[in-house]
């Protein structure tokens, strides 16, 4: 099989199965695992897959920069945001992660809601400036421009001094095997620090992130209370997540 044919085969397998197991493909095609790994390296370099131990997974479309992400699945994000906003109780304290989905949550919160919002995102804070009864706490640190959030040691330390009832966290990839992932190590560490300071953590993920993966793991499944998504509740990946014991709130 020519290299171009192997490439098409791998991409087709990724689309159909949601993952590639290198040793299985090698046995199927009668080639070495090294050949399959080289092909996967080439595909990963083009942004067409996310390499993991033993093979590859679909790459998340949410790894593009902040401005570009605002045009990715805006309807899905609004649906997810509407459900997430409904979890915020009057008088409660909310840790709100940065990103385009959580920005949609900020915009979905009732204008007169009395609550405390803690965030490391200047865009989230700015979106809530005209909410008269929302107390805002902005955590500072080095600004990671890709997601318009503060990250690094100073931001993590600041997060350790707050607490909340609820944390709403965005990720770029949600996969039964790879878990909850994002594309930057420091951002992943910041998300863990935020989640650790809340009684409950819900993951926000519009449908294009379901079944995909990015490079850095954020949290194991047992550390989150649930997932909010607009994906089909009968989607194979969603069913796998439910089988793990995860509460899935469907945003219709």
C-alpha atoms as a PDB file:
ATOM      1  CA  UNK A   1       0.000   0.000   0.000  1.00  0.00           C
ATOM      2  CA  UNK A   2       1.359   3.406  -1.004  1.00  0.00           C
ATOM      3  CA  UNK A   3       1.925   6.127   1.580  1.00  0.00           C
ATOM      4  CA  UNK A   4      -0.997   8.176   0.222  1.00  0.00           C
ATOM      5  CA  UNK A   5      -3.281   5.152   0.473  1.00  0.00           C
ATOM      6  CA  UNK A   6      -2.143   4.475   4.041  1.00  0.00           C
ATOM      7  CA  UNK A   7      -2.850   8.090   4.903  1.00  0.00           C
ATOM      8  CA  UNK A   8      -6.406   7.861   3.543  1.00  0.00           C
ATOM      9  CA  UNK A   9      -6.913   4.577   5.368  1.00  0.00           C
ATOM     10  CA  UNK A  10      -5.773   6.056   8.670  1.00  0.00           C
ATOM     11  CA  UNK A  11      -7.965   9.134   8.311  1.00  0.00           C
ATOM     12  CA  UNK A  12     -10.942   6.957   7.430  1.00  0.00           C
ATOM     13  CA  UNK A  13     -10.307   4.727  10.431  1.00  0.00           C
ATOM     14  CA  UNK A  14     -10.073   7.767  12.681  1.00  0.00           C
ATOM     15  CA  UNK A  15     -13.402   9.073  11.363  1.00  0.00           C
ATOM     16  CA  UNK A  16     -15.169   5.721  11.717  1.00  0.00           C
ATOM     17  CA  UNK A  17     -13.719   4.348  14.942  1.00  0.00           C
ATOM     18  CA  UNK A  18     -12.695   7.489  16.803  1.00  0.00           C
ATOM     19  CA  UNK A  19      -9.203   6.142  17.413  1.00  0.00           C
ATOM     20  CA  UNK A  20      -6.245   4.402  15.794  1.00  0.00           C
ATOM     21  CA  UNK A  21      -4.374   1.542  17.479  1.00  0.00           C
ATOM     22  CA  UNK A  22      -0.994   1.325  15.775  1.00  0.00           C
ATOM     23  CA  UNK A  23      -0.389  -2.393  16.358  1.00  0.00           C
ATOM     24  CA  UNK A  24      -3.832  -3.301  14.971  1.00  0.00           C
ATOM     25  CA  UNK A  25      -3.303  -1.205  11.829  1.00  0.00           C
ATOM     26  CA  UNK A  26       0.155  -2.722  11.353  1.00  0.00           C
ATOM     27  CA  UNK A  27      -1.253  -6.243  11.571  1.00  0.00           C
ATOM     28  CA  UNK A  28      -4.153  -5.388   9.258  1.00  0.00           C
ATOM     29  CA  UNK A  29      -1.926  -3.853   6.572  1.00  0.00           C
ATOM     30  CA  UNK A  30       1.023  -6.216   6.996  1.00  0.00           C
ATOM     31  CA  UNK A  31       3.477  -3.414   7.759  1.00  0.00           C
ATOM     32  CA  UNK A  32       5.633  -2.514  10.746  1.00  0.00           C
ATOM     33  CA  UNK A  33       4.380  -0.481  13.690  1.00  0.00           C
ATOM     34  CA  UNK A  34       7.229   1.934  12.981  1.00  0.00           C
ATOM     35  CA  UNK A  35       5.701   2.654   9.568  1.00  0.00           C
ATOM     36  CA  UNK A  36       2.318   3.358  11.155  1.00  0.00           C
ATOM     37  CA  UNK A  37       3.920   5.609  13.775  1.00  0.00           C
ATOM     38  CA  UNK A  38       5.717   7.566  11.046  1.00  0.00           C
ATOM     39  CA  UNK A  39       2.431   8.048   9.233  1.00  0.00           C
ATOM     40  CA  UNK A  40       0.789   9.236  12.459  1.00  0.00           C
ATOM     41  CA  UNK A  41       3.643  11.679  13.097  1.00  0.00           C
ATOM     42  CA  UNK A  42       3.065  13.150   9.643  1.00  0.00           C
ATOM     43  CA  UNK A  43      -0.687  13.440  10.219  1.00  0.00           C
ATOM     44  CA  UNK A  44      -0.139  15.010  13.643  1.00  0.00           C
ATOM     45  CA  UNK A  45       2.275  17.540  12.133  1.00  0.00           C
ATOM     46  CA  UNK A  46      -0.537  18.592   9.782  1.00  0.00           C
ATOM     47  CA  UNK A  47      -2.959  18.903  12.709  1.00  0.00           C
ATOM     48  CA  UNK A  48      -5.050  15.954  11.538  1.00  0.00           C
ATOM     49  CA  UNK A  49      -4.764  13.747  14.628  1.00  0.00           C
ATOM     50  CA  UNK A  50      -3.572  13.784  18.218  1.00  0.00           C
ATOM     51  CA  UNK A  51      -0.932  11.153  18.880  1.00  0.00           C
ATOM     52  CA  UNK A  52      -1.307   9.173  22.102  1.00  0.00           C
ATOM     53  CA  UNK A  53       0.439   6.133  23.523  1.00  0.00           C
ATOM     54  CA  UNK A  54      -0.174   3.251  21.131  1.00  0.00           C
ATOM     55  CA  UNK A  55      -1.846   5.246  18.366  1.00  0.00           C
ATOM     56  CA  UNK A  56      -3.881   8.379  17.770  1.00  0.00           C
ATOM     57  CA  UNK A  57      -7.191  10.101  18.493  1.00  0.00           C
ATOM     58  CA  UNK A  58      -9.210  12.764  16.634  1.00  0.00           C
ATOM     59  CA  UNK A  59      -7.717  16.204  17.171  1.00  0.00           C
ATOM     60  CA  UNK A  60      -9.839  18.903  18.777  1.00  0.00           C
ATOM     61  CA  UNK A  61     -10.913  21.811  16.533  1.00  0.00           C
ATOM     62  CA  UNK A  62     -10.718  24.074  19.591  1.00  0.00           C
ATOM     63  CA  UNK A  63      -6.933  24.452  19.476  1.00  0.00           C
ATOM     64  CA  UNK A  64      -7.087  27.503  17.216  1.00  0.00           C
ATOM     65  CA  UNK A  65      -6.566  30.942  18.759  1.00  0.00           C
ATOM     66  CA  UNK A  66      -9.157  32.760  20.863  1.00  0.00           C
ATOM     67  CA  UNK A  67     -10.450  35.012  18.064  1.00  0.00           C
ATOM     68  CA  UNK A  68     -10.899  32.086  15.670  1.00  0.00           C
ATOM     69  CA  UNK A  69     -12.627  29.951  18.319  1.00  0.00           C
ATOM     70  CA  UNK A  70     -15.415  32.502  18.644  1.00  0.00           C
ATOM     71  CA  UNK A  71     -16.709  31.409  15.238  1.00  0.00           C
ATOM     72  CA  UNK A  72     -16.538  27.663  16.056  1.00  0.00           C
ATOM     73  CA  UNK A  73     -19.973  26.168  16.902  1.00  0.00           C
ATOM     74  CA  UNK A  74     -21.494  29.367  18.360  1.00  0.00           C
ATOM     75  CA  UNK A  75     -25.000  27.844  18.546  1.00  0.00           C
ATOM     76  CA  UNK A  76     -23.738  24.808  20.430  1.00  0.00           C
ATOM     77  CA  UNK A  77     -21.855  27.000  22.878  1.00  0.00           C
ATOM     78  CA  UNK A  78     -24.960  29.085  23.529  1.00  0.00           C
ATOM     79  CA  UNK A  79     -26.986  25.947  24.249  1.00  0.00           C
ATOM     80  CA  UNK A  80     -24.352  24.631  26.641  1.00  0.00           C
ATOM     81  CA  UNK A  81     -24.077  28.062  28.280  1.00  0.00           C
ATOM     82  CA  UNK A  82     -27.821  28.264  28.895  1.00  0.00           C
ATOM     83  CA  UNK A  83     -27.802  24.995  30.841  1.00  0.00           C
ATOM     84  CA  UNK A  84     -24.632  25.942  32.718  1.00  0.00           C
ATOM     85  CA  UNK A  85     -26.016  29.337  33.743  1.00  0.00           C
ATOM     86  CA  UNK A  86     -29.010  27.558  35.250  1.00  0.00           C
ATOM     87  CA  UNK A  87     -26.697  25.813  37.736  1.00  0.00           C
ATOM     88  CA  UNK A  88     -25.648  29.124  39.311  1.00  0.00           C
ATOM     89  CA  UNK A  89     -27.750  29.788  42.400  1.00  0.00           C
ATOM     90  CA  UNK A  90     -28.584  33.230  43.827  1.00  0.00           C
ATOM     91  CA  UNK A  91     -26.059  34.120  46.497  1.00  0.00           C
ATOM     92  CA  UNK A  92     -23.686  31.416  45.310  1.00  0.00           C
ATOM     93  CA  UNK A  93     -19.990  31.645  44.482  1.00  0.00           C
ATOM     94  CA  UNK A  94     -18.909  30.604  40.981  1.00  0.00           C
ATOM     95  CA  UNK A  95     -15.462  29.959  39.545  1.00  0.00           C
ATOM     96  CA  UNK A  96     -15.724  30.658  35.835  1.00  0.00           C
ATOM     97  CA  UNK A  97     -12.949  29.443  33.566  1.00  0.00           C
ATOM     98  CA  UNK A  98     -11.847  31.403  30.518  1.00  0.00           C
ATOM     99  CA  UNK A  99     -12.675  30.633  26.892  1.00  0.00           C
ATOM    100  CA  UNK A 100     -15.443  31.201  24.404  1.00  0.00           C
ATOM    101  CA  UNK A 101     -17.957  28.778  25.953  1.00  0.00           C
ATOM    102  CA  UNK A 102     -17.578  30.271  29.420  1.00  0.00           C
ATOM    103  CA  UNK A 103     -17.867  33.738  27.905  1.00  0.00           C
ATOM    104  CA  UNK A 104     -21.248  32.593  26.594  1.00  0.00           C
ATOM    105  CA  UNK A 105     -22.108  31.516  30.169  1.00  0.00           C
ATOM    106  CA  UNK A 106     -21.241  34.981  31.493  1.00  0.00           C
ATOM    107  CA  UNK A 107     -23.558  36.496  28.897  1.00  0.00           C
ATOM    108  CA  UNK A 108     -26.311  33.998  29.804  1.00  0.00           C
ATOM    109  CA  UNK A 109     -26.319  34.816  33.531  1.00  0.00           C
ATOM    110  CA  UNK A 110     -29.384  36.846  34.567  1.00  0.00           C
ATOM    111  CA  UNK A 111     -28.532  40.537  34.678  1.00  0.00           C
ATOM    112  CA  UNK A 112     -29.881  40.933  38.213  1.00  0.00           C
ATOM    113  CA  UNK A 113     -28.373  37.735  39.657  1.00  0.00           C
ATOM    114  CA  UNK A 114     -26.726  38.291  43.032  1.00  0.00           C
ATOM    115  CA  UNK A 115     -23.649  36.078  43.097  1.00  0.00           C
ATOM    116  CA  UNK A 116     -19.865  36.037  43.367  1.00  0.00           C
ATOM    117  CA  UNK A 117     -17.859  35.273  40.238  1.00  0.00           C
ATOM    118  CA  UNK A 118     -14.185  34.355  40.471  1.00  0.00           C
ATOM    119  CA  UNK A 119     -12.292  34.173  37.193  1.00  0.00           C
ATOM    120  CA  UNK A 120      -8.785  34.394  35.736  1.00  0.00           C
ATOM    121  CA  UNK A 121     -10.172  35.746  32.466  1.00  0.00           C
ATOM    122  CA  UNK A 122     -10.272  39.513  31.861  1.00  0.00           C
ATOM    123  CA  UNK A 123     -12.835  38.979  29.087  1.00  0.00           C
ATOM    124  CA  UNK A 124     -15.163  37.175  31.503  1.00  0.00           C
ATOM    125  CA  UNK A 125     -14.774  39.951  34.084  1.00  0.00           C
ATOM    126  CA  UNK A 126     -15.445  42.622  31.462  1.00  0.00           C
ATOM    127  CA  UNK A 127     -18.589  40.805  30.298  1.00  0.00           C
ATOM    128  CA  UNK A 128     -20.004  41.002  33.846  1.00  0.00           C
ATOM    129  CA  UNK A 129     -19.160  44.628  34.600  1.00  0.00           C
ATOM    130  CA  UNK A 130     -22.741  45.732  33.964  1.00  0.00           C
ATOM    131  CA  UNK A 131     -24.215  43.068  36.275  1.00  0.00           C
ATOM    132  CA  UNK A 132     -24.939  45.260  39.322  1.00  0.00           C
ATOM    133  CA  UNK A 133     -25.289  42.481  41.898  1.00  0.00           C
ATOM    134  CA  UNK A 134     -22.389  40.292  40.767  1.00  0.00           C
ATOM    135  CA  UNK A 135     -19.234  40.625  42.879  1.00  0.00           C
ATOM    136  CA  UNK A 136     -16.206  40.042  40.653  1.00  0.00           C
ATOM    137  CA  UNK A 137     -12.797  38.685  41.658  1.00  0.00           C
ATOM    138  CA  UNK A 138     -10.141  38.641  38.941  1.00  0.00           C
ATOM    139  CA  UNK A 139      -7.150  36.358  39.517  1.00  0.00           C
ATOM    140  CA  UNK A 140      -3.942  37.698  38.030  1.00  0.00           C
ATOM    141  CA  UNK A 141      -0.817  36.247  36.490  1.00  0.00           C
ATOM    142  CA  UNK A 142       0.915  35.894  33.153  1.00  0.00           C
ATOM    143  CA  UNK A 143      -1.663  36.281  30.387  1.00  0.00           C
ATOM    144  CA  UNK A 144      -1.881  33.286  28.053  1.00  0.00           C
ATOM    145  CA  UNK A 145      -3.097  35.090  24.949  1.00  0.00           C
ATOM    146  CA  UNK A 146      -4.312  31.960  23.157  1.00  0.00           C
ATOM    147  CA  UNK A 147      -7.218  31.707  25.609  1.00  0.00           C
ATOM    148  CA  UNK A 148      -7.108  35.234  27.096  1.00  0.00           C
ATOM    149  CA  UNK A 149      -6.573  33.936  30.636  1.00  0.00           C
ATOM    150  CA  UNK A 150      -4.004  34.300  33.416  1.00  0.00           C
ATOM    151  CA  UNK A 151      -1.781  31.255  33.956  1.00  0.00           C
ATOM    152  CA  UNK A 152       1.507  30.420  35.637  1.00  0.00           C
ATOM    153  CA  UNK A 153       2.688  30.236  39.224  1.00  0.00           C
ATOM    154  CA  UNK A 154       1.183  33.562  40.348  1.00  0.00           C
ATOM    155  CA  UNK A 155      -2.266  32.676  38.994  1.00  0.00           C
ATOM    156  CA  UNK A 156      -2.192  29.178  40.526  1.00  0.00           C
ATOM    157  CA  UNK A 157      -1.189  30.645  43.896  1.00  0.00           C
ATOM    158  CA  UNK A 158      -4.019  33.183  43.708  1.00  0.00           C
ATOM    159  CA  UNK A 159      -6.481  30.396  42.955  1.00  0.00           C
ATOM    160  CA  UNK A 160      -5.439  28.533  46.099  1.00  0.00           C
ATOM    161  CA  UNK A 161      -6.809  31.370  48.220  1.00  0.00           C
ATOM    162  CA  UNK A 162     -10.407  31.289  46.986  1.00  0.00           C
ATOM    163  CA  UNK A 163     -13.304  28.847  47.245  1.00  0.00           C
ATOM    164  CA  UNK A 164     -16.645  28.434  45.530  1.00  0.00           C
ATOM    165  CA  UNK A 165     -19.757  26.309  45.291  1.00  0.00           C
ATOM    166  CA  UNK A 166     -19.385  25.626  41.594  1.00  0.00           C
ATOM    167  CA  UNK A 167     -16.647  25.641  38.959  1.00  0.00           C
ATOM    168  CA  UNK A 168     -17.574  25.761  35.269  1.00  0.00           C
ATOM    169  CA  UNK A 169     -14.591  24.572  33.296  1.00  0.00           C
ATOM    170  CA  UNK A 170     -13.893  24.543  29.572  1.00  0.00           C
ATOM    171  CA  UNK A 171     -11.675  22.000  27.814  1.00  0.00           C
ATOM    172  CA  UNK A 172     -10.710  21.431  24.195  1.00  0.00           C
ATOM    173  CA  UNK A 173     -11.085  17.650  24.172  1.00  0.00           C
ATOM    174  CA  UNK A 174     -13.427  15.126  25.817  1.00  0.00           C
ATOM    175  CA  UNK A 175     -12.596  11.471  25.228  1.00  0.00           C
ATOM    176  CA  UNK A 176     -13.438   8.332  27.249  1.00  0.00           C
ATOM    177  CA  UNK A 177      -9.826   7.121  27.137  1.00  0.00           C
ATOM    178  CA  UNK A 178      -7.781  10.334  26.936  1.00  0.00           C
ATOM    179  CA  UNK A 179     -10.033  12.100  29.427  1.00  0.00           C
ATOM    180  CA  UNK A 180     -10.401  15.868  29.627  1.00  0.00           C
ATOM    181  CA  UNK A 181      -7.629  17.640  27.744  1.00  0.00           C
ATOM    182  CA  UNK A 182      -6.366  21.006  26.578  1.00  0.00           C
ATOM    183  CA  UNK A 183      -3.530  22.220  24.402  1.00  0.00           C
ATOM    184  CA  UNK A 184      -1.227  23.961  26.910  1.00  0.00           C
ATOM    185  CA  UNK A 185       0.439  22.540  30.023  1.00  0.00           C
ATOM    186  CA  UNK A 186       0.197  25.702  32.127  1.00  0.00           C
ATOM    187  CA  UNK A 187      -3.428  26.216  31.182  1.00  0.00           C
ATOM    188  CA  UNK A 188      -4.168  22.611  32.199  1.00  0.00           C
ATOM    189  CA  UNK A 189      -2.486  23.229  35.571  1.00  0.00           C
ATOM    190  CA  UNK A 190      -4.543  26.382  36.079  1.00  0.00           C
ATOM    191  CA  UNK A 191      -7.758  24.538  35.325  1.00  0.00           C
ATOM    192  CA  UNK A 192      -6.854  21.900  37.929  1.00  0.00           C
ATOM    193  CA  UNK A 193      -6.135  24.629  40.474  1.00  0.00           C
ATOM    194  CA  UNK A 194      -9.512  26.258  39.836  1.00  0.00           C
ATOM    195  CA  UNK A 195     -11.440  22.998  39.992  1.00  0.00           C
ATOM    196  CA  UNK A 196      -9.772  22.056  43.289  1.00  0.00           C
ATOM    197  CA  UNK A 197     -11.290  25.134  44.941  1.00  0.00           C
ATOM    198  CA  UNK A 198     -14.935  24.324  44.160  1.00  0.00           C
ATOM    199  CA  UNK A 199     -17.408  21.916  45.733  1.00  0.00           C
ATOM    200  CA  UNK A 200     -18.556  20.825  42.263  1.00  0.00           C
ATOM    201  CA  UNK A 201     -17.004  21.039  38.808  1.00  0.00           C
ATOM    202  CA  UNK A 202     -18.968  20.773  35.584  1.00  0.00           C
ATOM    203  CA  UNK A 203     -17.223  20.499  32.226  1.00  0.00           C
ATOM    204  CA  UNK A 204     -18.571  22.561  29.332  1.00  0.00           C
ATOM    205  CA  UNK A 205     -18.073  21.004  25.902  1.00  0.00           C
ATOM    206  CA  UNK A 206     -20.007  21.699  22.722  1.00  0.00           C
ATOM    207  CA  UNK A 207     -20.433  18.728  20.401  1.00  0.00           C
ATOM    208  CA  UNK A 208     -17.360  19.312  18.217  1.00  0.00           C
ATOM    209  CA  UNK A 209     -15.118  18.579  21.247  1.00  0.00           C
ATOM    210  CA  UNK A 210     -16.731  15.243  22.094  1.00  0.00           C
ATOM    211  CA  UNK A 211     -14.558  12.289  21.098  1.00  0.00           C
ATOM    212  CA  UNK A 212     -11.462  14.445  20.495  1.00  0.00           C
ATOM    213  CA  UNK A 213      -8.233  15.001  22.377  1.00  0.00           C
ATOM    214  CA  UNK A 214      -5.505  17.567  22.918  1.00  0.00           C
ATOM    215  CA  UNK A 215      -2.003  17.096  24.278  1.00  0.00           C
ATOM    216  CA  UNK A 216      -2.359  17.818  28.024  1.00  0.00           C
ATOM    217  CA  UNK A 217      -4.691  16.138  30.485  1.00  0.00           C
ATOM    218  CA  UNK A 218      -6.720  18.420  32.748  1.00  0.00           C
ATOM    219  CA  UNK A 219      -8.622  16.166  35.166  1.00  0.00           C
ATOM    220  CA  UNK A 220      -9.551  12.520  35.665  1.00  0.00           C
ATOM    221  CA  UNK A 221     -13.233  11.677  35.389  1.00  0.00           C
ATOM    222  CA  UNK A 222     -13.644  11.074  39.128  1.00  0.00           C
ATOM    223  CA  UNK A 223     -12.738  14.704  39.844  1.00  0.00           C
ATOM    224  CA  UNK A 224     -15.708  16.178  37.967  1.00  0.00           C
ATOM    225  CA  UNK A 225     -19.407  16.248  38.834  1.00  0.00           C
ATOM    226  CA  UNK A 226     -20.707  16.190  35.291  1.00  0.00           C
ATOM    227  CA  UNK A 227     -20.531  17.230  31.654  1.00  0.00           C
ATOM    228  CA  UNK A 228     -22.745  19.720  29.835  1.00  0.00           C
ATOM    229  CA  UNK A 229     -22.893  19.204  26.070  1.00  0.00           C
ATOM    230  CA  UNK A 230     -25.171  19.691  23.098  1.00  0.00           C
ATOM    231  CA  UNK A 231     -24.008  16.401  21.561  1.00  0.00           C
ATOM    232  CA  UNK A 232     -26.610  13.768  20.694  1.00  0.00           C
ATOM    233  CA  UNK A 233     -27.376  11.898  23.944  1.00  0.00           C
ATOM    234  CA  UNK A 234     -27.229   8.655  21.945  1.00  0.00           C
ATOM    235  CA  UNK A 235     -23.818   9.443  20.467  1.00  0.00           C
ATOM    236  CA  UNK A 236     -21.468   6.484  21.004  1.00  0.00           C
ATOM    237  CA  UNK A 237     -18.921   8.586  22.897  1.00  0.00           C
ATOM    238  CA  UNK A 238     -21.588  10.131  25.124  1.00  0.00           C
ATOM    239  CA  UNK A 239     -22.874   6.638  25.924  1.00  0.00           C
ATOM    240  CA  UNK A 240     -19.330   5.602  26.888  1.00  0.00           C
ATOM    241  CA  UNK A 241     -19.047   8.597  29.192  1.00  0.00           C
ATOM    242  CA  UNK A 242     -22.331   7.690  30.877  1.00  0.00           C
ATOM    243  CA  UNK A 243     -21.030   4.144  31.330  1.00  0.00           C
ATOM    244  CA  UNK A 244     -18.114   5.632  33.278  1.00  0.00           C
ATOM    245  CA  UNK A 245     -20.674   6.974  35.756  1.00  0.00           C
ATOM    246  CA  UNK A 246     -20.478  10.548  34.544  1.00  0.00           C
ATOM    247  CA  UNK A 247     -23.596  12.717  34.784  1.00  0.00           C
ATOM    248  CA  UNK A 248     -24.289  14.177  31.336  1.00  0.00           C
ATOM    249  CA  UNK A 249     -26.562  17.208  31.082  1.00  0.00           C
ATOM    250  CA  UNK A 250     -27.851  17.527  27.519  1.00  0.00           C
ATOM    251  CA  UNK A 251     -28.242  21.031  26.152  1.00  0.00           C
ATOM    252  CA  UNK A 252     -31.024  20.904  23.575  1.00  0.00           C
END
